[in-house]
Amino acid sequence: MSDHGRRTVSERTRSAPTRVTIVGAGISGLTTAYFLHRRLGRDAQITVVEGTDRLGGKIATRTFAGHRLDTGPDALMVRAPVAVALIEDLGLADAVVTPNGGGARIWSRNRLRSLPAGTMFGVPGGLLPLVRSRLLSPLGLARAACDLVLPRGRTASADPSVGELVRARMGAQVFNRMVEPLLGGIHAGRADTLSAQSTAPGIAALARTHRSLYLGMRRRPAPPTGGGSTGPSLVTLNTGLEGLINALAATLPGATVRWGSAVTAVSPELTLTEERPATAYRVDLDDGSVIGADVVVLATPAFASAGIIGAAAPQLGALLGAIEYANVATICLAYPRAAFPADLAGTGFLVPPEEGRLIVGCTWSSLKWPHLADDDVVLVRCMVGRHDDDRWLTINETTLVLRVRAELGEAMGLAGEPLELFVQRWPQGMPQYLVGHQARLEAMTEALTELPGLYLTGSSYRGVGLASCIADAQRTADAIVSARMAAQDSARPRNLGASRSD
């Protein structure tokens, strides 16, 4: 072959776009595609494969009682810079809605009670607000105050549960009536089994660095000031959060999105062609088709990813399959405004497991979000199901709704027939970051070193909130770009020395 016909390896690499297959078109998969498209453009050939007939995963918005109501997650944490930047970059800033104030109550001992001001994951920041809340009995208050005088304790493990930390410092009532319902509302889990490091890192840090949780809360750095309020921590969109999914999909004109075909297996194939001198992957779909990929991103729940990769990588598959999930459901109800108590303050309530109720949490959506306010109708969302509480799975939908309505009547005096109702079931809907979660992640990272070009992202790993999923998607995209650049650098001919003329 003449010199004119030869191409360097780096030239061959540049001429062949990196073939990226992303499995799962929820928020994690779509944002990974978005960040990769922005970074690589035509240098990446992106295919997103979704097994269902819709995009968005657990982000689901439906027309309900004349409004666009989210039946999955209903808010986005915007103190995460990457989430703010994404909203702005997608041109959604004008659609952002901030919640009304008031916060959630705790339904404890047959009354709705306010959470003390200054709490973090339910841990109180001072005794006086705790006394005023009337959440604890006199004995419970006395035990909580012991945190100020108890010596620094030692946990039994390097990754203690939230319950182990809080019970030791502040006693059972603070844990049962404050911490447990808040973490239950976030994770649908039990704080006695949830890893403090993974689910409540702020509490874990206070326990490591301070003798007293109260004193640690007081000594936390104050939020920045100078421009008034730092703004809300949560927002939504006036279109419902499906607007975020639609905006993401619209930015991927160069990507191929295939839905209705599920990925059944991913397996590595060693490819040594001139065009692709690297490990590649075979992606098998349930319709019999096969996709070739240089990079595969599994943006599916851990149990689904375990089934996809388990045959090719049994160790990784076992680690993924070990992540447990809670079965949850959202019950949406629309009531006439006249049936809704006029004297309620706040945006909803949370329920401690010790109460034995079916409802885990309730959001008064029409009071929480200004764009859902209505003179005639009030929208209510109730969540049921915890990691160790599948009672709702054993009853039919009619009975489930009747039970939820009865509890709403007890909690807030809400009576009468709803104008409209909808039940959204999320089987295996919420991953559980149990004690030892960080060690499992480290083991997965080690297993992935044997599978270059394979990546994991999503709510199963580094945060269950939408903002955490967006941040993890960006981390994944950055890792893919870095690996691609490193491969190009290693393939580029080295200048081993300049020639010299006499």
Protein backbone atom coordinates (compact mmCIF):
# COMPACT_ATOMS: atom_id res chain seq x y z
CA MET A 1 0.00 0.00 0.00
CA SER A 2 1.34 3.45 -0.86
CA ASP A 3 1.93 6.07 1.80
CA HIS A 4 -0.98 7.98 0.29
CA GLY A 5 -3.32 5.08 1.07
CA ARG A 6 -2.17 4.63 4.65
CA ARG A 7 -3.99 6.23 7.63
CA THR A 8 -2.71 6.51 11.16
CA VAL A 9 -4.63 4.79 13.94
CA SER A 10 -5.69 8.19 15.30
CA GLU A 11 -7.03 9.14 11.87
CA ARG A 12 -8.97 5.87 11.72
CA THR A 13 -10.35 6.54 15.22
CA ARG A 14 -11.44 10.03 14.26
CA SER A 15 -13.19 8.77 11.14
CA ALA A 16 -15.21 6.19 13.06
CA PRO A 17 -17.65 7.72 15.56
CA THR A 18 -17.86 6.02 18.92
CA ARG A 19 -20.93 3.79 18.90
CA VAL A 20 -22.77 4.34 22.19
CA THR A 21 -25.80 2.31 23.20
CA ILE A 22 -27.72 3.59 26.21
CA VAL A 23 -30.13 1.09 27.73
CA GLY A 24 -33.08 2.85 29.35
CA ALA A 25 -34.77 6.13 28.39
CA GLY A 26 -35.60 7.49 31.82
CA ILE A 27 -34.06 10.68 33.19
CA SER A 28 -30.67 8.97 33.61
CA GLY A 29 -30.46 7.52 30.12
CA LEU A 30 -31.71 10.65 28.36
CA THR A 31 -29.44 13.02 30.26
CA THR A 32 -26.45 10.77 29.59
CA ALA A 33 -27.31 10.95 25.89
CA TYR A 34 -27.75 14.72 26.17
CA PHE A 35 -24.37 15.31 27.82
CA LEU A 36 -22.60 12.97 25.38
CA HIS A 37 -24.23 14.66 22.39
CA ARG A 38 -23.08 18.05 23.65
CA ARG A 39 -19.52 16.88 24.28
CA LEU A 40 -18.94 14.65 21.26
CA GLY A 41 -21.44 15.74 18.61
CA ARG A 42 -20.81 13.78 15.42
CA ASP A 43 -17.97 11.88 17.06
CA ALA A 44 -20.60 9.77 18.83
CA GLN A 45 -23.24 7.58 17.23
CA ILE A 46 -25.83 7.36 20.03
CA THR A 47 -28.61 4.81 20.25
CA VAL A 48 -31.06 4.87 23.17
CA VAL A 49 -33.05 1.67 23.68
CA GLU A 50 -36.22 1.66 25.80
CA GLY A 51 -38.22 -1.47 26.52
CA THR A 52 -41.55 0.29 27.10
CA ASP A 53 -43.66 2.40 24.75
CA ARG A 54 -42.79 5.75 26.38
CA LEU A 55 -39.83 7.86 27.46
CA GLY A 56 -39.22 9.15 30.96
CA GLY A 57 -39.11 6.09 33.19
CA LYS A 58 -40.73 7.00 36.50
CA ILE A 59 -41.33 10.58 35.40
CA ALA A 60 -44.97 10.40 34.39
CA THR A 61 -47.40 13.30 33.93
CA ARG A 62 -51.09 12.92 33.14
CA THR A 63 -54.08 15.20 32.70
CA PHE A 64 -55.98 14.88 35.97
CA ALA A 65 -59.00 16.96 36.99
CA GLY A 66 -58.07 19.53 34.36
CA HIS A 67 -54.43 19.85 35.42
CA ARG A 68 -51.12 18.29 34.41
CA LEU A 69 -50.24 16.23 37.49
CA ASP A 70 -47.09 14.18 38.07
CA THR A 71 -47.82 10.64 39.23
CA GLY A 72 -44.17 9.82 39.86
CA PRO A 73 -41.62 12.27 41.27
CA ASP A 74 -43.08 15.77 41.41
CA ALA A 75 -40.04 17.93 42.16
CA LEU A 76 -36.42 18.54 41.29
CA MET A 77 -33.70 19.59 43.74
CA VAL A 78 -32.21 22.75 42.27
CA ARG A 79 -29.42 23.37 44.75
CA ALA A 80 -27.50 20.86 42.65
CA PRO A 81 -25.70 23.10 40.09
CA VAL A 82 -25.94 20.55 37.29
CA ALA A 83 -29.75 20.46 37.60
CA VAL A 84 -30.00 24.25 37.43
CA ALA A 85 -27.71 24.35 34.41
CA LEU A 86 -29.73 21.65 32.63
CA ILE A 87 -33.01 23.51 33.14
CA GLU A 88 -31.46 26.71 31.78
CA ASP A 89 -29.73 25.01 28.85
CA LEU A 90 -32.98 23.35 27.80
CA GLY A 91 -34.77 26.70 27.79
CA LEU A 92 -37.10 25.73 30.62
CA ALA A 93 -36.34 28.56 33.05
CA ASP A 94 -39.66 30.27 32.33
CA ALA A 95 -41.55 27.05 33.12
CA VAL A 96 -40.05 26.68 36.61
CA VAL A 97 -42.51 26.79 39.52
CA THR A 98 -41.41 27.13 43.15
CA PRO A 99 -43.44 25.60 45.98
CA ASN A 100 -45.49 27.51 48.49
CA GLY A 101 -44.09 27.63 52.01
CA GLY A 102 -45.22 25.76 55.05
CA GLY A 103 -43.57 22.39 54.58
CA ALA A 104 -44.84 19.00 55.61
CA ARG A 105 -46.43 18.00 58.91
CA ILE A 106 -46.02 14.76 60.87
CA TRP A 107 -49.14 12.69 61.56
CA SER A 108 -48.35 11.43 65.04
CA ARG A 109 -50.73 10.28 67.78
CA ASN A 110 -53.82 11.26 65.79
CA ARG A 111 -52.73 14.85 65.12
CA LEU A 112 -50.89 16.73 62.41
CA ARG A 113 -47.85 18.31 64.06
CA SER A 114 -45.26 20.73 62.72
CA LEU A 115 -41.65 19.70 62.31
CA PRO A 116 -39.26 21.85 64.34
CA ALA A 117 -37.48 24.53 62.35
CA GLY A 118 -33.90 23.79 61.39
CA THR A 119 -34.11 20.02 61.07
CA MET A 120 -31.86 17.97 58.79
CA PHE A 121 -33.24 14.59 57.73
CA GLY A 122 -35.44 14.88 60.82
CA VAL A 123 -32.58 15.57 63.24
CA PRO A 124 -33.56 18.68 65.26
CA GLY A 125 -31.21 21.63 65.30
CA GLY A 126 -32.24 22.90 68.75
CA LEU A 127 -34.20 22.00 71.85
CA LEU A 128 -36.58 24.97 71.99
CA PRO A 129 -38.13 24.35 68.54
CA LEU A 130 -38.40 20.69 69.49
CA VAL A 131 -40.33 21.55 72.67
CA ARG A 132 -42.69 23.84 70.73
CA SER A 133 -43.48 21.16 68.16
CA ARG A 134 -45.04 18.84 70.78
CA LEU A 135 -43.83 15.89 68.77
CA LEU A 136 -42.14 14.28 71.77
CA SER A 137 -43.31 13.36 75.24
CA PRO A 138 -41.56 14.92 78.28
CA LEU A 139 -39.52 11.74 78.62
CA GLY A 140 -38.64 11.85 74.92
CA LEU A 141 -37.54 15.49 75.24
CA ALA A 142 -35.34 14.63 78.21
CA ARG A 143 -33.74 11.78 76.28
CA ALA A 144 -33.16 14.00 73.26
CA ALA A 145 -31.44 16.59 75.48
CA CYS A 146 -28.97 13.92 76.61
CA ASP A 147 -27.20 14.37 73.28
CA LEU A 148 -25.63 17.52 74.75
CA VAL A 149 -23.92 15.66 77.60
CA LEU A 150 -23.31 12.14 76.33
CA PRO A 151 -19.70 11.34 75.43
CA ARG A 152 -18.81 10.76 71.81
CA GLY A 153 -20.02 7.31 70.92
CA ARG A 154 -18.56 4.65 68.70
CA THR A 155 -20.56 2.84 66.06
CA ALA A 156 -20.40 -0.90 65.66
CA SER A 157 -19.53 -0.67 61.95
CA ALA A 158 -17.74 1.58 59.50
CA ASP A 159 -21.06 2.16 57.72
CA PRO A 160 -23.69 2.45 60.45
CA SER A 161 -27.40 2.77 59.79
CA VAL A 162 -29.17 6.07 60.33
CA GLY A 163 -31.02 4.45 63.20
CA GLU A 164 -27.81 3.40 64.93
CA LEU A 165 -26.49 6.97 64.88
CA VAL A 166 -29.66 8.82 65.88
CA ARG A 167 -30.97 6.41 68.52
CA ALA A 168 -27.64 6.45 70.36
CA ARG A 169 -27.49 10.24 70.49
CA MET A 170 -31.12 11.40 70.76
CA GLY A 171 -33.21 8.39 71.66
CA ALA A 172 -36.07 6.44 70.15
CA GLN A 173 -38.70 9.19 69.94
CA VAL A 174 -36.60 11.55 67.81
CA PHE A 175 -35.80 8.62 65.58
CA ASN A 176 -39.31 7.14 65.35
CA ARG A 177 -41.32 10.35 65.06
CA MET A 178 -38.99 12.59 63.08
CA VAL A 179 -36.14 10.85 61.29
CA GLU A 180 -37.99 7.70 60.26
CA PRO A 181 -40.92 9.45 58.51
CA LEU A 182 -38.64 11.87 56.64
CA LEU A 183 -36.32 9.18 55.32
CA GLY A 184 -39.34 6.99 54.64
CA GLY A 185 -40.78 9.77 52.52
CA ILE A 186 -37.56 10.05 50.53
CA HIS A 187 -36.47 6.42 50.24
CA ALA A 188 -39.58 4.36 51.10
CA GLY A 189 -37.28 2.50 53.47
CA ARG A 190 -36.61 1.89 57.14
CA ALA A 191 -33.91 4.06 58.66
CA ASP A 192 -32.72 1.18 60.85
CA THR A 193 -31.43 -0.54 57.71
CA LEU A 194 -30.47 2.46 55.53
CA SER A 195 -26.80 3.41 55.29
CA ALA A 196 -26.18 6.76 56.96
CA GLN A 197 -23.26 7.44 54.64
CA SER A 198 -25.38 6.87 51.53
CA THR A 199 -28.78 8.30 52.54
CA ALA A 200 -28.02 10.92 55.20
CA PRO A 201 -24.40 11.96 54.66
CA GLY A 202 -24.93 15.18 56.60
CA ILE A 203 -25.90 13.25 59.73
CA ALA A 204 -23.02 10.82 59.23
CA ALA A 205 -20.58 13.74 58.94
CA LEU A 206 -21.91 15.38 62.12
CA ALA A 207 -21.57 12.12 64.03
CA ARG A 208 -17.96 11.74 62.85
CA THR A 209 -16.83 15.27 63.59
CA HIS A 210 -18.84 16.38 66.64
CA ARG A 211 -19.50 14.98 70.07
CA SER A 212 -23.11 16.23 69.91
CA LEU A 213 -25.46 16.31 66.93
CA TYR A 214 -27.11 19.47 68.33
CA LEU A 215 -23.76 21.25 68.58
CA GLY A 216 -22.78 20.03 65.14
CA MET A 217 -26.01 21.42 63.68
CA ARG A 218 -25.34 24.81 65.30
CA ARG A 219 -21.80 24.94 63.95
CA ARG A 220 -22.72 24.14 60.38
CA PRO A 221 -21.69 26.89 57.96
CA ALA A 222 -24.50 29.38 57.49
CA PRO A 223 -26.05 29.53 54.01
CA PRO A 224 -24.72 32.35 51.85
CA THR A 225 -26.41 35.71 52.31
CA GLY A 226 -26.25 39.10 50.71
CA GLY A 227 -28.95 38.74 48.11
CA GLY A 228 -31.82 37.87 50.39
CA SER A 229 -33.16 34.33 50.28
CA THR A 230 -31.02 31.66 48.72
CA GLY A 231 -34.13 30.41 46.95
CA PRO A 232 -36.10 27.20 47.16
CA SER A 233 -34.44 23.81 47.23
CA LEU A 234 -37.20 22.18 45.16
CA VAL A 235 -38.92 23.23 41.94
CA THR A 236 -41.15 21.69 39.32
CA LEU A 237 -42.34 22.69 35.84
CA ASN A 238 -45.73 24.13 34.99
CA THR A 239 -46.03 21.48 32.29
CA GLY A 240 -45.31 18.70 34.76
CA LEU A 241 -41.89 17.08 34.82
CA GLU A 242 -42.65 15.29 31.57
CA GLY A 243 -41.74 18.66 30.05
CA LEU A 244 -38.15 17.96 31.05
CA ILE A 245 -38.23 14.60 29.27
CA ASN A 246 -39.75 16.14 26.12
CA ALA A 247 -37.12 18.88 26.09
CA LEU A 248 -34.30 16.35 26.46
CA ALA A 249 -35.67 14.20 23.64
CA ALA A 250 -35.93 17.24 21.37
CA THR A 251 -32.19 17.94 21.76
CA LEU A 252 -31.17 14.55 20.35
CA PRO A 253 -31.90 14.82 16.62
CA GLY A 254 -28.74 12.90 15.80
CA ALA A 255 -29.52 10.03 18.15
CA THR A 256 -31.58 6.96 17.41
CA VAL A 257 -34.26 6.28 20.03
CA ARG A 258 -35.79 2.81 19.89
CA TRP A 259 -38.68 2.02 22.21
CA GLY A 260 -40.83 -1.05 22.54
CA SER A 261 -37.81 -3.38 22.29
CA ALA A 262 -36.10 -4.49 25.48
CA VAL A 263 -32.41 -5.34 25.76
CA THR A 264 -32.01 -8.95 26.89
CA ALA A 265 -28.23 -9.28 27.06
CA VAL A 266 -24.99 -7.37 26.69
CA SER A 267 -21.78 -9.28 26.05
CA PRO A 268 -18.23 -8.16 25.21
CA GLU A 269 -16.69 -9.00 21.85
CA LEU A 270 -13.02 -8.46 21.09
CA THR A 271 -12.78 -6.54 17.83
CA LEU A 272 -9.43 -6.14 16.10
CA THR A 273 -10.41 -4.54 12.80
CA GLU A 274 -8.54 -1.59 11.39
CA GLU A 275 -11.50 0.69 12.09
CA ARG A 276 -12.15 -0.45 15.68
CA PRO A 277 -9.07 -1.90 17.40
CA ALA A 278 -10.75 -2.21 20.82
CA THR A 279 -13.18 -4.22 22.92
CA ALA A 280 -16.73 -3.82 21.63
CA TYR A 281 -20.12 -5.07 22.83
CA ARG A 282 -22.96 -7.06 21.38
CA VAL A 283 -26.37 -5.81 22.51
CA ASP A 284 -29.20 -8.32 22.02
CA LEU A 285 -32.84 -7.17 21.88
CA ASP A 286 -35.99 -9.18 22.49
CA ASP A 287 -37.12 -8.70 18.88
CA GLY A 288 -34.09 -10.69 17.70
CA SER A 289 -32.06 -7.72 16.49
CA VAL A 290 -28.49 -7.03 17.54
CA ILE A 291 -26.71 -3.71 18.03
CA GLY A 292 -22.94 -3.36 17.97
CA ALA A 293 -21.49 -0.84 20.42
CA ASP A 294 -18.12 0.46 21.55
CA VAL A 295 -19.70 1.83 24.72
CA VAL A 296 -22.74 0.56 26.62
CA VAL A 297 -24.46 2.53 29.39
CA LEU A 298 -26.91 0.58 31.53
CA ALA A 299 -29.34 3.24 32.76
CA THR A 300 -31.88 0.70 33.97
CA PRO A 301 -32.72 -0.29 37.57
CA ALA A 302 -30.08 -2.50 39.16
CA PHE A 303 -32.24 -5.64 39.02
CA ALA A 304 -32.81 -5.12 35.28
CA SER A 305 -29.12 -4.44 34.67
CA ALA A 306 -28.29 -7.64 36.57
CA GLY A 307 -30.38 -9.65 34.13
CA ILE A 308 -28.81 -7.94 31.13
CA ILE A 309 -25.13 -8.34 32.09
CA GLY A 310 -25.28 -11.31 34.46
CA ALA A 311 -24.44 -14.01 31.90
CA ALA A 312 -21.35 -12.16 30.63
CA ALA A 313 -20.23 -10.88 34.05
CA PRO A 314 -21.63 -13.07 36.85
CA GLN A 315 -19.82 -11.22 39.65
CA LEU A 316 -21.15 -7.83 38.54
CA GLY A 317 -24.59 -9.33 37.97
CA ALA A 318 -24.65 -10.70 41.51
CA LEU A 319 -23.67 -7.32 42.97
CA LEU A 320 -26.39 -5.58 40.99
CA GLY A 321 -28.97 -8.18 41.94
CA ALA A 322 -28.17 -7.70 45.63
CA ILE A 323 -29.58 -4.15 45.63
CA GLU A 324 -33.04 -4.37 47.17
CA TYR A 325 -36.11 -2.37 46.17
CA ALA A 326 -39.34 -1.17 47.76
CA ASN A 327 -42.71 -1.59 46.05
CA VAL A 328 -44.57 1.73 46.11
CA ALA A 329 -47.67 3.33 44.63
CA THR A 330 -49.06 6.84 44.24
CA ILE A 331 -52.79 7.39 44.76
CA CYS A 332 -54.01 10.63 43.18
CA LEU A 333 -57.37 12.08 44.26
CA ALA A 334 -59.28 15.22 43.25
CA TYR A 335 -61.75 16.62 45.79
CA PRO A 336 -64.20 19.51 45.61
CA ARG A 337 -62.69 22.59 47.22
CA ALA A 338 -65.62 22.70 49.66
CA ALA A 339 -64.68 19.25 51.02
CA PHE A 340 -61.12 20.30 51.82
CA PRO A 341 -60.56 21.72 55.32
CA ALA A 342 -59.92 25.46 55.07
CA ASP A 343 -57.70 25.73 58.14
CA LEU A 344 -54.91 23.39 57.03
CA ALA A 345 -51.44 24.87 56.86
CA GLY A 346 -48.47 23.47 55.00
CA THR A 347 -48.16 21.29 51.94
CA GLY A 348 -48.88 17.79 53.25
CA PHE A 349 -47.84 15.30 55.89
CA LEU A 350 -45.58 12.31 56.58
CA VAL A 351 -46.45 9.28 58.68
CA PRO A 352 -44.10 7.47 61.12
CA PRO A 353 -44.18 3.68 60.64
CA GLU A 354 -44.98 3.26 64.34
CA GLU A 355 -48.46 4.63 63.58
CA GLY A 356 -49.26 1.51 61.56
CA ARG A 357 -50.92 3.46 58.74
CA LEU A 358 -50.97 2.53 55.08
CA ILE A 359 -50.10 6.05 53.92
CA VAL A 360 -46.38 6.86 54.01
CA GLY A 361 -46.80 10.47 52.92
CA CYS A 362 -49.39 12.83 51.48
CA THR A 363 -48.91 15.95 49.36
CA TRP A 364 -51.63 18.58 49.05
CA SER A 365 -50.54 19.33 45.50
CA SER A 366 -52.93 22.25 44.98
CA LEU A 367 -51.54 23.92 48.10
CA LYS A 368 -47.91 23.04 47.39
CA TRP A 369 -47.68 24.16 43.77
CA PRO A 370 -49.12 27.52 42.61
CA HIS A 371 -49.78 26.27 39.07
CA LEU A 372 -52.09 23.56 40.46
CA ALA A 373 -54.16 25.96 42.58
CA ASP A 374 -57.84 25.83 41.66
CA ASP A 375 -60.92 27.56 43.07
CA ASP A 376 -63.05 24.46 42.60
CA VAL A 377 -60.78 21.42 42.99
CA VAL A 378 -58.00 20.29 45.36
CA LEU A 379 -55.50 17.68 44.14
CA VAL A 380 -54.03 15.25 46.68
CA ARG A 381 -51.24 12.69 46.16
CA CYS A 382 -50.70 9.86 48.66
CA MET A 383 -47.76 7.45 48.66
CA VAL A 384 -48.03 3.93 50.04
CA GLY A 385 -45.44 1.18 50.44
CA ARG A 386 -42.15 0.81 52.27
CA HIS A 387 -39.27 -1.61 52.01
CA ASP A 388 -40.80 -3.88 54.64
CA ASP A 389 -44.46 -3.00 54.10
CA ASP A 390 -46.17 -4.49 51.05
CA ARG A 391 -49.68 -4.50 52.49
CA TRP A 392 -50.95 -2.47 49.57
CA LEU A 393 -49.92 -5.23 47.16
CA THR A 394 -52.26 -7.71 48.85
CA ILE A 395 -55.47 -5.71 48.38
CA ASN A 396 -57.37 -4.76 45.26
CA GLU A 397 -57.44 -1.21 43.93
CA THR A 398 -60.93 -0.44 45.23
CA THR A 399 -60.00 -1.47 48.77
CA LEU A 400 -56.68 0.37 48.54
CA VAL A 401 -58.42 3.63 47.63
CA LEU A 402 -61.02 3.18 50.38
CA ARG A 403 -58.27 2.60 52.96
CA VAL A 404 -56.39 5.69 51.83
CA ARG A 405 -59.54 7.81 51.88
CA ALA A 406 -60.36 6.62 55.40
CA GLU A 407 -56.89 7.59 56.62
CA LEU A 408 -57.20 11.01 54.97
CA GLY A 409 -60.44 11.47 56.87
CA GLU A 410 -58.74 10.63 60.16
CA ALA A 411 -55.68 12.76 59.50
CA MET A 412 -57.27 15.92 58.13
CA GLY A 413 -61.02 15.57 58.17
CA LEU A 414 -61.26 15.11 54.42
CA ALA A 415 -64.63 13.55 53.63
CA GLY A 416 -66.88 12.91 50.66
CA GLU A 417 -66.39 11.25 47.30
CA PRO A 418 -63.42 12.26 45.16
CA LEU A 419 -64.26 13.75 41.79
CA GLU A 420 -61.51 11.77 40.12
CA LEU A 421 -58.88 9.23 41.19
CA PHE A 422 -55.91 7.43 39.71
CA VAL A 423 -53.56 4.78 41.08
CA GLN A 424 -50.00 4.65 39.75
CA ARG A 425 -48.22 1.46 40.79
CA TRP A 426 -44.43 1.34 40.91
CA PRO A 427 -43.38 -2.27 41.64
CA GLN A 428 -39.71 -2.36 42.61
CA GLY A 429 -39.92 1.38 42.36
CA MET A 430 -37.44 2.61 44.96
CA PRO A 431 -33.86 1.32 45.42
CA GLN A 432 -32.71 0.78 49.00
CA TYR A 433 -29.26 2.02 50.02
CA LEU A 434 -28.86 -0.49 52.82
CA VAL A 435 -25.91 -0.65 55.21
CA GLY A 436 -22.84 -1.56 53.16
CA HIS A 437 -24.04 0.26 50.03
CA GLN A 438 -20.75 2.10 49.52
CA ALA A 439 -18.80 -1.15 49.74
CA ARG A 440 -21.09 -2.64 47.09
CA LEU A 441 -20.46 0.35 44.82
CA GLU A 442 -16.70 -0.07 45.25
CA ALA A 443 -16.97 -3.75 44.36
CA MET A 444 -18.98 -2.84 41.24
CA THR A 445 -16.36 -0.29 40.23
CA GLU A 446 -13.69 -2.97 40.57
CA ALA A 447 -15.73 -5.43 38.50
CA LEU A 448 -16.21 -2.81 35.78
CA THR A 449 -12.44 -2.53 35.29
CA GLU A 450 -12.69 -5.92 33.55
CA LEU A 451 -15.33 -4.52 31.19
CA PRO A 452 -13.91 -1.36 29.58
CA GLY A 453 -16.61 0.59 27.83
CA LEU A 454 -19.43 -0.58 30.12
CA TYR A 455 -20.99 1.98 32.49
CA LEU A 456 -23.74 2.03 35.11
CA THR A 457 -25.86 5.04 35.95
CA GLY A 458 -29.21 5.75 37.57
CA SER A 459 -30.99 5.97 40.90
CA SER A 460 -29.66 2.61 42.10
CA TYR A 461 -26.22 3.96 42.93
CA ARG A 462 -25.48 7.52 44.07
CA GLY A 463 -28.80 9.19 44.85
CA VAL A 464 -32.49 8.54 44.27
CA GLY A 465 -33.58 12.10 43.46
CA LEU A 466 -33.83 13.48 39.94
CA ALA A 467 -30.97 15.93 40.52
CA SER A 468 -28.75 13.07 41.72
CA CYS A 469 -29.61 11.10 38.58
CA ILE A 470 -28.72 14.09 36.41
CA ALA A 471 -25.41 14.55 38.22
CA ASP A 472 -24.58 10.86 37.85
CA ALA A 473 -25.43 10.99 34.15
CA GLN A 474 -23.01 13.88 33.72
CA ARG A 475 -20.34 11.94 35.63
CA THR A 476 -20.93 8.97 33.32
CA ALA A 477 -20.72 11.09 30.17
CA ASP A 478 -17.52 12.73 31.41
CA ALA A 479 -15.99 9.29 32.07
CA ILE A 480 -16.87 8.13 28.55
CA VAL A 481 -15.35 11.24 26.98
CA SER A 482 -12.20 10.92 29.10
CA ALA A 483 -11.80 7.25 28.13
CA ARG A 484 -12.22 8.13 24.46
CA MET A 485 -9.59 10.85 24.66
CA ALA A 486 -7.20 8.51 26.48
CA ALA A 487 -7.69 5.87 23.78
CA GLN A 488 -6.97 8.41 21.06
CA ASP A 489 -3.84 9.59 22.87
CA SER A 490 -2.54 6.05 23.27
CA ALA A 491 -3.18 5.33 19.58
CA ARG A 492 -1.44 8.48 18.38
CA PRO A 493 2.09 7.82 17.00
CA ARG A 494 4.75 9.04 19.40
CA ASN A 495 7.54 11.39 18.27
CA LEU A 496 10.51 9.40 19.55
CA GLY A 497 13.08 11.99 18.61
CA ALA A 498 13.69 14.75 16.10
CA SER A 499 15.98 14.04 13.14
CA ARG A 500 19.19 16.00 12.95
CA SER A 501 20.90 17.36 9.87
CA ASP A 502 24.65 17.83 9.81
